[in-house]
Amino acid sequence: MVPDPYTLEKMALAHRQQLQREAEHEQMQGARSSHSSHRMRYMAARLGTFLIALGTRLRQLEQPRTSNAVDEVRMKESLC
């Protein structure tokens, strides 16, 4: 049995609306994952920068101790 033109138009409209909702949902999911991956890359870059700065600072703090220890050994050797 074939529905009347009004019912066919109503069914077509409902189908288009459902397709539109599905497309919008997929777009939102794509945008969300893109935003999330951007945030992760940003945080990883910030963490890397922090760790490099920390390593540099620790190396700078360690250098004077090393040079002082070497100087002390040299002074002891020269006294002997």
Protein backbone atom coordinates (compact mmCIF):
# COMPACT_ATOMS: atom_id res chain seq x y z
CA MET A 1 0.00 0.00 0.00
CA VAL A 2 1.41 3.38 -1.03
CA PRO A 3 0.99 6.23 1.47
CA ASP A 4 -0.66 9.44 0.33
CA PRO A 5 1.60 12.38 -0.79
CA TYR A 6 1.18 14.22 2.53
CA THR A 7 2.40 11.19 4.52
CA LEU A 8 5.28 10.64 2.07
CA GLU A 9 6.35 14.28 2.47
CA LYS A 10 6.14 13.95 6.25
CA MET A 11 8.24 10.76 6.23
CA ALA A 12 10.83 12.37 3.92
CA LEU A 13 11.05 15.40 6.20
CA ALA A 14 11.52 13.19 9.28
CA HIS A 15 14.22 11.22 7.47
CA ARG A 16 16.09 14.40 6.45
CA GLN A 17 15.91 15.71 10.00
CA GLN A 18 17.32 12.43 11.33
CA LEU A 19 20.18 12.56 8.81
CA GLN A 20 20.86 16.18 9.78
CA ARG A 21 21.01 15.28 13.49
CA GLU A 22 23.41 12.41 12.77
CA ALA A 23 25.65 14.67 10.67
CA GLU A 24 25.73 17.33 13.39
CA HIS A 25 26.54 14.69 16.00
CA GLU A 26 29.45 13.38 13.92
CA GLN A 27 30.72 16.93 13.39
CA MET A 28 30.63 17.61 17.11
CA GLN A 29 32.51 14.40 17.87
CA GLY A 30 35.15 15.24 15.26
CA ALA A 31 35.59 18.75 16.64
CA ARG A 32 35.81 17.45 20.20
CA SER A 33 38.51 14.89 19.40
CA SER A 34 40.45 17.49 17.42
CA HIS A 35 40.25 19.94 20.33
CA SER A 36 41.28 17.22 22.77
CA SER A 37 44.29 16.16 20.70
CA HIS A 38 45.35 19.81 20.35
CA ARG A 39 45.17 20.20 24.11
CA MET A 40 47.26 17.06 24.63
CA ARG A 41 49.94 18.27 22.18
CA TYR A 42 49.99 21.66 23.93
CA MET A 43 50.35 20.08 27.37
CA ALA A 44 53.09 17.70 26.15
CA ALA A 45 55.00 20.65 24.68
CA ARG A 46 54.68 22.62 27.92
CA LEU A 47 55.84 19.62 29.96
CA GLY A 48 58.82 19.13 27.66
CA THR A 49 59.79 22.79 27.96
CA PHE A 50 59.50 22.59 31.74
CA LEU A 51 61.64 19.45 31.94
CA ILE A 52 64.35 20.97 29.73
CA ALA A 53 64.41 24.13 31.86
CA LEU A 54 64.56 22.04 35.03
CA GLY A 55 67.43 19.95 33.69
CA THR A 56 69.33 23.07 32.66
CA ARG A 57 68.82 24.62 36.07
CA LEU A 58 69.95 21.48 37.87
CA ARG A 59 73.03 21.29 35.67
CA GLN A 60 73.87 24.93 36.51
CA LEU A 61 73.47 24.23 40.22
CA GLU A 62 75.66 21.14 39.98
CA GLN A 63 78.55 22.76 38.08
CA PRO A 64 79.87 24.98 40.90
CA ARG A 65 79.93 22.02 43.28
CA THR A 66 81.86 19.95 40.80
CA SER A 67 84.38 22.69 40.13
CA ASN A 68 84.76 23.34 43.88
CA ALA A 69 85.36 19.66 44.54
CA VAL A 70 87.99 19.54 41.79
CA ASP A 71 89.67 22.65 43.20
CA GLU A 72 89.74 21.08 46.68
CA VAL A 73 91.36 17.89 45.34
CA ARG A 74 93.96 19.93 43.46
CA MET A 75 94.74 21.98 46.58
CA LYS A 76 95.19 18.80 48.65
CA GLU A 77 97.45 17.30 45.99
CA SER A 78 99.58 20.43 45.87
CA LEU A 79 100.01 20.40 49.66
CA CYS A 80 101.32 16.86 49.67
